């Protein structure tokens, strides 16, 4: 009966032997816990990154919608004021003009580049033109080459 002791007070049998096995089991349990926590942490980071990307995509869509609405309002008001002008003369010259005339509160910022460096599209540009003739502001697109979560390019929105 090596390693077995019975307490005279409680009557409980305690095993004094095998401390190395007990420590090894505790170490294995610790490693399993660390592994599980690591997996959870990596998953949380991946979800956080996806959430951040979705937020930037949503913000860009919102900025594009706001600017396009401002361009439409500018066009409508200009057309009402002087209907005899040619169509392309009713559009603003640039984003600054929309801010100056209070159609926008401030210059919009592209959430992917952090700058107000949108690609300007003129009403007289070809649909697939890379460079604009700069005649007026018909539309804007992101200048970023970022690929969205749905595999589309944000500069094509």
N, C-alpha and C. Protein backbone atom coordinates (compact mmCIF):
# COMPACT_ATOMS: atom_id res chain seq x y z
N UNK A 1 0.82 -1.18 0.00
CA UNK A 1 0.00 0.00 0.00
C UNK A 1 0.87 1.24 0.00
N UNK A 2 1.65 1.34 -1.00
CA UNK A 2 2.55 2.47 -1.12
C UNK A 2 1.79 3.67 -1.66
N UNK A 3 2.00 4.83 -1.07
CA UNK A 3 1.42 6.07 -1.56
C UNK A 3 0.00 6.31 -1.12
N UNK A 4 -0.61 5.38 -0.40
CA UNK A 4 -2.00 5.56 0.01
C UNK A 4 -2.05 5.88 1.49
N UNK A 5 -2.73 6.98 1.82
CA UNK A 5 -2.83 7.37 3.22
C UNK A 5 -4.29 7.64 3.54
N UNK A 6 -4.73 7.19 4.68
CA UNK A 6 -6.09 7.43 5.14
C UNK A 6 -6.01 8.43 6.27
N UNK A 7 -6.78 9.48 6.16
CA UNK A 7 -6.78 10.51 7.19
C UNK A 7 -7.53 9.99 8.41
N UNK A 8 -6.93 10.16 9.56
CA UNK A 8 -7.56 9.71 10.80
C UNK A 8 -8.73 10.60 11.17
N UNK A 9 -8.69 11.85 10.77
CA UNK A 9 -9.76 12.78 11.14
C UNK A 9 -10.97 12.63 10.24
N UNK A 10 -10.77 12.65 8.91
CA UNK A 10 -11.90 12.63 7.98
C UNK A 10 -12.21 11.25 7.45
N UNK A 11 -11.27 10.36 7.50
CA UNK A 11 -11.47 9.03 6.98
C UNK A 11 -11.37 8.95 5.47
N UNK A 12 -10.90 10.02 4.82
CA UNK A 12 -10.79 10.09 3.37
C UNK A 12 -9.45 9.51 2.95
N UNK A 13 -9.48 8.72 1.88
CA UNK A 13 -8.25 8.15 1.36
C UNK A 13 -7.63 9.14 0.39
N UNK A 14 -6.37 9.47 0.58
CA UNK A 14 -5.66 10.39 -0.30
C UNK A 14 -4.50 9.66 -0.92
N UNK A 15 -4.25 9.91 -2.19
CA UNK A 15 -3.13 9.28 -2.87
C UNK A 15 -1.98 10.27 -2.92
N UNK A 16 -0.94 9.88 -2.26
CA UNK A 16 0.23 10.75 -2.21
C UNK A 16 1.13 10.54 -3.41
N UNK A 17 0.96 9.44 -4.10
CA UNK A 17 1.83 9.12 -5.23
C UNK A 17 1.40 9.81 -6.51
N UNK A 18 2.17 9.66 -7.52
CA UNK A 18 1.96 10.13 -8.89
C UNK A 18 1.82 11.65 -9.03
N UNK A 19 2.63 12.46 -8.40
CA UNK A 19 2.51 13.90 -8.60
C UNK A 19 2.92 14.33 -10.02
N UNK A 20 3.82 13.61 -10.65
CA UNK A 20 4.26 13.98 -12.01
C UNK A 20 3.11 13.81 -13.00
N UNK A 21 2.33 12.75 -12.87
CA UNK A 21 1.20 12.55 -13.76
C UNK A 21 0.15 13.65 -13.55
N UNK A 22 -0.05 14.04 -12.32
CA UNK A 22 -1.03 15.08 -12.03
C UNK A 22 -0.60 16.40 -12.67
N UNK A 23 0.68 16.72 -12.58
CA UNK A 23 1.17 17.94 -13.20
C UNK A 23 1.07 17.88 -14.72
N UNK A 24 1.33 16.75 -15.30
CA UNK A 24 1.26 16.59 -16.75
C UNK A 24 -0.17 16.78 -17.23
N UNK A 25 -1.11 16.25 -16.52
CA UNK A 25 -2.50 16.41 -16.89
C UNK A 25 -2.90 17.89 -16.79
N UNK A 26 -2.44 18.58 -15.79
CA UNK A 26 -2.73 19.99 -15.64
C UNK A 26 -2.11 20.79 -16.78
N UNK A 27 -0.91 20.44 -17.18
CA UNK A 27 -0.25 21.12 -18.29
C UNK A 27 -1.03 20.89 -19.59
N UNK A 28 -1.50 19.67 -19.82
CA UNK A 28 -2.29 19.37 -21.02
C UNK A 28 -3.59 20.17 -21.00
N UNK A 29 -4.23 20.25 -19.85
CA UNK A 29 -5.46 21.04 -19.73
C UNK A 29 -5.17 22.51 -20.03
N UNK A 30 -4.06 23.01 -19.52
CA UNK A 30 -3.67 24.39 -19.77
C UNK A 30 -3.45 24.63 -21.26
N UNK A 31 -2.78 23.73 -21.93
CA UNK A 31 -2.51 23.87 -23.36
C UNK A 31 -3.82 23.84 -24.17
N UNK A 32 -4.75 22.99 -23.78
CA UNK A 32 -6.05 22.95 -24.47
C UNK A 32 -6.78 24.27 -24.30
N UNK A 33 -6.78 24.80 -23.07
CA UNK A 33 -7.44 26.08 -22.82
C UNK A 33 -6.80 27.20 -23.63
N UNK A 34 -5.48 27.24 -23.67
CA UNK A 34 -4.78 28.27 -24.43
C UNK A 34 -5.11 28.14 -25.92
N UNK A 35 -5.18 26.91 -26.41
CA UNK A 35 -5.51 26.69 -27.83
C UNK A 35 -6.93 27.17 -28.14
N UNK A 36 -7.87 26.84 -27.28
CA UNK A 36 -9.26 27.25 -27.50
C UNK A 36 -9.37 28.78 -27.46
N UNK A 37 -8.73 29.42 -26.50
CA UNK A 37 -8.76 30.87 -26.40
C UNK A 37 -8.11 31.51 -27.63
N UNK A 38 -7.03 30.92 -28.12
CA UNK A 38 -6.37 31.44 -29.32
C UNK A 38 -7.28 31.36 -30.54
N UNK A 39 -7.97 30.25 -30.68
CA UNK A 39 -8.90 30.09 -31.81
C UNK A 39 -10.01 31.13 -31.74
N UNK A 40 -10.54 31.34 -30.54
CA UNK A 40 -11.60 32.34 -30.37
C UNK A 40 -11.08 33.74 -30.68
N UNK A 41 -9.86 34.05 -30.24
CA UNK A 41 -9.28 35.37 -30.49
C UNK A 41 -9.06 35.61 -31.99
N UNK A 42 -8.55 34.60 -32.69
CA UNK A 42 -8.32 34.74 -34.13
C UNK A 42 -9.66 34.92 -34.86
N UNK A 43 -10.68 34.19 -34.44
CA UNK A 43 -12.00 34.34 -35.06
C UNK A 43 -12.56 35.74 -34.82
N UNK A 44 -12.38 36.24 -33.61
CA UNK A 44 -12.87 37.59 -33.29
C UNK A 44 -12.15 38.64 -34.13
N UNK A 45 -10.84 38.47 -34.34
CA UNK A 45 -10.09 39.43 -35.15
C UNK A 45 -10.57 39.40 -36.60
N UNK A 46 -10.84 38.20 -37.12
CA UNK A 46 -11.32 38.08 -38.49
C UNK A 46 -12.69 38.75 -38.64
N UNK A 47 -13.56 38.54 -37.67
CA UNK A 47 -14.88 39.17 -37.71
C UNK A 47 -14.76 40.68 -37.59
N UNK A 48 -13.83 41.13 -36.78
CA UNK A 48 -13.62 42.57 -36.62
C UNK A 48 -13.14 43.19 -37.93
N UNK A 49 -12.24 42.53 -38.62
CA UNK A 49 -11.73 43.01 -39.91
C UNK A 49 -12.87 43.07 -40.94
N UNK A 50 -13.69 42.03 -40.98
CA UNK A 50 -14.82 42.01 -41.91
C UNK A 50 -15.80 43.13 -41.58
N UNK A 51 -16.05 43.34 -40.30
CA UNK A 51 -16.94 44.43 -39.89
C UNK A 51 -16.40 45.79 -40.29
N UNK A 52 -15.10 45.96 -40.15
CA UNK A 52 -14.46 47.22 -40.53
C UNK A 52 -14.58 47.45 -42.04
N UNK A 53 -14.36 46.40 -42.82
CA UNK A 53 -14.47 46.52 -44.27
C UNK A 53 -15.90 46.87 -44.68
N UNK A 54 -16.87 46.20 -44.04
CA UNK A 54 -18.28 46.49 -44.34
C UNK A 54 -18.63 47.93 -44.01
N UNK A 55 -18.09 48.43 -42.90
CA UNK A 55 -18.37 49.81 -42.49
C UNK A 55 -17.81 50.80 -43.52
N UNK A 56 -16.59 50.55 -44.02
CA UNK A 56 -16.00 51.44 -45.02
C UNK A 56 -16.79 51.39 -46.33
N UNK A 57 -17.22 50.18 -46.72
CA UNK A 57 -18.02 50.05 -47.94
C UNK A 57 -19.34 50.81 -47.80
N UNK A 58 -19.98 50.66 -46.65
CA UNK A 58 -21.24 51.36 -46.40
C UNK A 58 -21.03 52.87 -46.42
N UNK A 59 -19.94 53.32 -45.81
CA UNK A 59 -19.64 54.76 -45.79
C UNK A 59 -19.41 55.30 -47.20
N UNK A 60 -18.68 54.55 -48.03
CA UNK A 60 -18.45 55.00 -49.41
C UNK A 60 -19.76 55.08 -50.18
N UNK A 61 -20.61 54.07 -50.04
CA UNK A 61 -21.91 54.11 -50.73
C UNK A 61 -22.72 55.31 -50.28
N UNK A 62 -22.66 55.61 -49.00
CA UNK A 62 -23.39 56.76 -48.46
C UNK A 62 -22.84 58.07 -49.03
N UNK A 63 -21.52 58.20 -49.08
CA UNK A 63 -20.89 59.42 -49.63
C UNK A 63 -21.27 59.59 -51.10
N UNK A 64 -21.20 58.51 -51.86
CA UNK A 64 -21.55 58.58 -53.28
C UNK A 64 -23.01 59.00 -53.46
N UNK A 65 -23.89 58.44 -52.64
CA UNK A 65 -25.31 58.78 -52.73
C UNK A 65 -25.54 60.26 -52.41
N UNK A 66 -24.88 60.75 -51.37
CA UNK A 66 -25.03 62.16 -50.97
C UNK A 66 -24.55 63.10 -52.07
N UNK A 67 -23.37 62.81 -52.63
CA UNK A 67 -22.82 63.68 -53.68
C UNK A 67 -23.68 63.61 -54.94
N UNK A 68 -24.12 62.44 -55.31
CA UNK A 68 -24.94 62.32 -56.52
C UNK A 68 -26.28 63.04 -56.35
N UNK A 69 -26.83 62.98 -55.15
CA UNK A 69 -28.07 63.72 -54.87
C UNK A 69 -27.82 65.23 -54.97
N UNK A 70 -26.68 65.68 -54.45
CA UNK A 70 -26.33 67.11 -54.52
C UNK A 70 -26.16 67.55 -55.98
N UNK A 71 -25.52 66.72 -56.79
CA UNK A 71 -25.35 67.04 -58.22
C UNK A 71 -26.72 67.16 -58.89
N UNK A 72 -27.61 66.22 -58.59
CA UNK A 72 -28.96 66.26 -59.18
C UNK A 72 -29.72 67.51 -58.77
N UNK A 73 -29.62 67.88 -57.50
CA UNK A 73 -30.31 69.10 -57.02
C UNK A 73 -29.73 70.34 -57.70
N UNK A 74 -28.41 70.39 -57.82
CA UNK A 74 -27.75 71.52 -58.50
C UNK A 74 -28.25 71.61 -59.95
N UNK A 75 -28.27 70.48 -60.62
CA UNK A 75 -28.72 70.43 -62.02
C UNK A 75 -30.16 70.93 -62.14
N UNK A 76 -31.05 70.41 -61.28
CA UNK A 76 -32.46 70.80 -61.34
C UNK A 76 -32.64 72.30 -61.11
N UNK A 77 -31.96 72.83 -60.11
CA UNK A 77 -32.09 74.25 -59.80
C UNK A 77 -31.52 75.11 -60.94
N UNK A 78 -30.40 74.70 -61.50
CA UNK A 78 -29.78 75.43 -62.61
C UNK A 78 -30.68 75.40 -63.84
N UNK A 79 -31.30 74.27 -64.06
CA UNK A 79 -32.19 74.11 -65.23
C UNK A 79 -33.43 74.99 -65.09
N UNK A 80 -33.95 75.08 -63.84
CA UNK A 80 -35.11 75.95 -63.60
C UNK A 80 -34.74 77.42 -63.81
N UNK A 81 -33.54 77.79 -63.37
CA UNK A 81 -33.11 79.19 -63.46
C UNK A 81 -32.86 79.63 -64.90
N UNK A 82 -32.27 78.76 -65.71
CA UNK A 82 -32.00 79.13 -67.10
C UNK A 82 -32.18 77.91 -68.00
N UNK A 83 -33.42 77.65 -68.41
CA UNK A 83 -33.70 76.46 -69.22
C UNK A 83 -33.14 76.52 -70.63
N UNK A 84 -32.73 77.68 -71.11
CA UNK A 84 -32.24 77.80 -72.49
C UNK A 84 -30.81 77.29 -72.65
N UNK A 85 -30.08 77.12 -71.55
CA UNK A 85 -28.69 76.65 -71.64
C UNK A 85 -28.62 75.19 -72.09
N UNK A 86 -27.50 74.83 -72.67
CA UNK A 86 -27.29 73.44 -73.06
C UNK A 86 -27.21 72.58 -71.79
N UNK A 87 -27.56 71.31 -71.94
CA UNK A 87 -27.62 70.40 -70.78
C UNK A 87 -26.32 70.35 -69.98
N UNK A 88 -25.20 70.24 -70.66
CA UNK A 88 -23.93 70.07 -69.94
C UNK A 88 -23.52 71.33 -69.18
N UNK A 89 -24.15 72.47 -69.44
CA UNK A 89 -23.83 73.70 -68.71
C UNK A 89 -24.59 73.81 -67.39
N UNK A 90 -25.50 72.91 -67.14
CA UNK A 90 -26.27 72.93 -65.90
C UNK A 90 -25.57 72.20 -64.76
N UNK A 91 -24.54 71.46 -65.07
CA UNK A 91 -23.82 70.71 -64.02
C UNK A 91 -22.77 71.59 -63.36
N UNK A 92 -22.43 71.31 -62.09
CA UNK A 92 -21.37 72.10 -61.43
C UNK A 92 -20.01 71.84 -62.07
N UNK A 93 -19.09 72.78 -61.89
CA UNK A 93 -17.75 72.63 -62.46
C UNK A 93 -16.93 71.58 -61.68
N UNK A 94 -17.10 71.56 -60.34
CA UNK A 94 -16.32 70.64 -59.51
C UNK A 94 -17.01 70.48 -58.15
N UNK A 95 -16.41 69.69 -57.29
CA UNK A 95 -16.96 69.46 -55.95
C UNK A 95 -16.95 70.74 -55.11
N UNK A 96 -15.93 71.56 -55.30
CA UNK A 96 -15.84 72.81 -54.54
C UNK A 96 -17.05 73.70 -54.78
N UNK A 97 -17.55 73.71 -55.99
CA UNK A 97 -18.72 74.53 -56.30
C UNK A 97 -19.95 74.04 -55.53
N UNK A 98 -20.07 72.73 -55.37
CA UNK A 98 -21.19 72.19 -54.58
C UNK A 98 -21.09 72.61 -53.12
N UNK A 99 -19.87 72.71 -52.61
CA UNK A 99 -19.67 73.15 -51.22
C UNK A 99 -19.94 74.64 -51.10
N UNK A 100 -19.41 75.42 -52.04
CA UNK A 100 -19.58 76.88 -52.02
C UNK A 100 -21.06 77.28 -52.08
N UNK A 101 -21.83 76.56 -52.89
CA UNK A 101 -23.24 76.90 -53.05
C UNK A 101 -24.14 76.13 -52.08
N UNK A 102 -23.53 75.51 -51.07
CA UNK A 102 -24.23 74.87 -49.96
C UNK A 102 -25.04 73.63 -50.34
N UNK A 103 -24.65 72.96 -51.40
CA UNK A 103 -25.29 71.68 -51.72
C UNK A 103 -24.64 70.56 -50.92
N UNK A 104 -23.39 70.77 -50.53
CA UNK A 104 -22.66 69.86 -49.64
C UNK A 104 -22.11 70.69 -48.48
N UNK A 105 -22.04 70.10 -47.31
CA UNK A 105 -21.49 70.81 -46.15
C UNK A 105 -19.98 70.91 -46.21
N UNK A 106 -19.35 69.85 -46.72
CA UNK A 106 -17.89 69.83 -46.83
C UNK A 106 -17.51 68.89 -47.96
N UNK A 107 -16.25 68.97 -48.35
CA UNK A 107 -15.77 68.05 -49.38
C UNK A 107 -15.84 66.62 -48.86
N UNK A 108 -16.39 65.72 -49.65
CA UNK A 108 -16.48 64.33 -49.19
C UNK A 108 -15.10 63.66 -49.17
N UNK A 109 -14.95 62.69 -48.29
CA UNK A 109 -13.69 61.95 -48.15
C UNK A 109 -13.95 60.49 -48.50
N UNK A 110 -13.08 59.93 -49.32
CA UNK A 110 -13.16 58.52 -49.67
C UNK A 110 -12.66 57.71 -48.48
N UNK A 111 -13.47 56.84 -47.89
CA UNK A 111 -13.04 56.10 -46.70
C UNK A 111 -11.91 55.10 -46.98
N UNK A 112 -11.67 54.76 -48.22
CA UNK A 112 -10.60 53.82 -48.54
C UNK A 112 -9.25 54.51 -48.73
N UNK A 113 -9.27 55.75 -49.18
CA UNK A 113 -8.01 56.48 -49.37
C UNK A 113 -7.78 57.51 -48.27
N UNK A 114 -8.86 57.91 -47.59
CA UNK A 114 -8.74 58.92 -46.56
C UNK A 114 -8.60 60.33 -47.11
N UNK A 115 -8.78 60.49 -48.41
CA UNK A 115 -8.63 61.78 -49.08
C UNK A 115 -9.88 62.11 -49.89
N UNK A 116 -9.97 63.35 -50.31
CA UNK A 116 -11.06 63.74 -51.20
C UNK A 116 -10.52 63.68 -52.64
N UNK A 117 -10.16 62.49 -53.04
CA UNK A 117 -9.52 62.30 -54.35
C UNK A 117 -10.38 61.45 -55.29
N UNK A 118 -11.64 61.77 -55.35
CA UNK A 118 -12.55 61.01 -56.19
C UNK A 118 -12.25 61.24 -57.67
N UNK A 119 -12.57 60.24 -58.47
CA UNK A 119 -12.42 60.36 -59.91
C UNK A 119 -13.66 61.08 -60.43
N UNK A 120 -13.44 62.20 -61.09
CA UNK A 120 -14.53 63.04 -61.60
C UNK A 120 -14.93 62.56 -62.99
N UNK A 121 -16.23 62.48 -63.21
CA UNK A 121 -16.74 62.10 -64.53
C UNK A 121 -17.57 63.26 -65.06
N UNK A 122 -17.29 63.65 -66.28
CA UNK A 122 -17.98 64.77 -66.93
C UNK A 122 -19.17 64.23 -67.73
N UNK A 123 -20.14 65.09 -67.98
CA UNK A 123 -21.32 64.66 -68.75
C UNK A 123 -20.99 64.38 -70.21
N UNK A 124 -19.86 64.88 -70.69
CA UNK A 124 -19.48 64.65 -72.09
C UNK A 124 -18.43 63.55 -72.24
N UNK A 125 -18.05 62.91 -71.14
CA UNK A 125 -17.09 61.79 -71.22
C UNK A 125 -17.74 60.55 -71.81
N UNK A 126 -16.91 59.73 -72.42
CA UNK A 126 -17.37 58.43 -72.87
C UNK A 126 -17.65 57.58 -71.63
N UNK A 127 -18.60 56.63 -71.71
CA UNK A 127 -18.95 55.83 -70.53
C UNK A 127 -17.78 55.06 -69.92
N UNK A 128 -16.85 54.60 -70.74
CA UNK A 128 -15.72 53.82 -70.21
C UNK A 128 -14.42 54.62 -70.18
N UNK A 129 -14.52 55.94 -70.24
CA UNK A 129 -13.32 56.79 -70.25
C UNK A 129 -12.59 56.71 -68.92
N UNK A 130 -11.27 56.66 -69.00
CA UNK A 130 -10.45 56.63 -67.79
C UNK A 130 -10.15 58.05 -67.33
N UNK A 131 -9.89 58.93 -68.27
CA UNK A 131 -9.63 60.34 -67.95
C UNK A 131 -10.82 61.19 -68.38
N UNK A 132 -11.07 62.21 -67.60
CA UNK A 132 -12.18 63.10 -67.90
C UNK A 132 -11.69 64.32 -68.67
N UNK A 133 -12.60 64.95 -69.38
CA UNK A 133 -12.22 66.19 -70.06
C UNK A 133 -12.33 67.37 -69.10
N UNK A 134 -12.89 67.17 -67.92
CA UNK A 134 -12.93 68.20 -66.89
C UNK A 134 -13.91 69.32 -67.16
N UNK A 135 -14.82 69.10 -68.09
CA UNK A 135 -15.77 70.15 -68.45
C UNK A 135 -16.75 70.47 -67.32
N UNK A 136 -17.22 69.43 -66.64
CA UNK A 136 -18.16 69.63 -65.53
C UNK A 136 -18.15 68.40 -64.62
N UNK A 137 -18.99 68.45 -63.60
CA UNK A 137 -19.09 67.35 -62.64
C UNK A 137 -20.43 66.66 -62.84
N UNK A 138 -20.39 65.51 -63.49
CA UNK A 138 -21.60 64.74 -63.76
C UNK A 138 -21.75 63.61 -62.74
N UNK A 139 -20.63 63.02 -62.33
CA UNK A 139 -20.64 61.90 -61.38
C UNK A 139 -19.26 61.79 -60.76
N UNK A 140 -19.17 61.05 -59.66
CA UNK A 140 -17.87 60.76 -59.05
C UNK A 140 -17.77 59.26 -58.80
N UNK A 141 -16.55 58.79 -58.75
CA UNK A 141 -16.26 57.39 -58.41
C UNK A 141 -15.04 57.38 -57.51
N UNK A 142 -14.91 56.32 -56.73
CA UNK A 142 -13.75 56.19 -55.85
C UNK A 142 -12.49 56.01 -56.69
N UNK A 143 -11.39 56.53 -56.20
CA UNK A 143 -10.11 56.35 -56.90
C UNK A 143 -9.35 55.14 -56.35
N UNK A 144 -9.94 54.43 -55.42
CA UNK A 144 -9.30 53.27 -54.80
C UNK A 144 -9.44 52.03 -55.69
N UNK A 145 -8.44 51.17 -55.64
CA UNK A 145 -8.50 49.89 -56.37
C UNK A 145 -8.98 48.76 -55.49
N UNK A 146 -9.58 49.08 -54.38
CA UNK A 146 -10.04 48.10 -53.39
C UNK A 146 -11.12 47.20 -53.98
N UNK A 147 -11.07 45.92 -53.63
CA UNK A 147 -12.11 44.97 -54.03
C UNK A 147 -13.04 44.77 -52.84
N UNK A 148 -14.31 44.97 -53.06
CA UNK A 148 -15.30 44.87 -51.98
C UNK A 148 -15.52 43.40 -51.60
N UNK A 149 -16.26 43.21 -50.52
CA UNK A 149 -16.55 41.86 -50.05
C UNK A 149 -17.37 41.06 -51.06
N UNK A 150 -18.14 41.74 -51.90
CA UNK A 150 -18.93 41.04 -52.92
C UNK A 150 -18.14 40.85 -54.22
N UNK A 151 -16.81 41.06 -54.15
CA UNK A 151 -15.87 40.87 -55.26
C UNK A 151 -15.98 41.94 -56.35
N UNK A 152 -16.75 42.99 -56.13
CA UNK A 152 -16.80 44.08 -57.11
C UNK A 152 -15.73 45.12 -56.75
N UNK A 153 -15.33 45.90 -57.72
CA UNK A 153 -14.36 46.98 -57.49
C UNK A 153 -15.13 48.22 -57.04
N UNK A 154 -14.65 48.85 -55.96
CA UNK A 154 -15.37 50.02 -55.45
C UNK A 154 -15.26 51.20 -56.41
N UNK A 155 -14.25 51.21 -57.28
CA UNK A 155 -14.15 52.32 -58.24
C UNK A 155 -15.11 52.15 -59.42
N UNK A 156 -15.92 51.10 -59.40
CA UNK A 156 -16.95 50.90 -60.42
C UNK A 156 -18.34 51.21 -59.90
N UNK A 157 -18.45 51.56 -58.62
CA UNK A 157 -19.77 51.84 -58.03
C UNK A 157 -20.29 53.16 -58.53
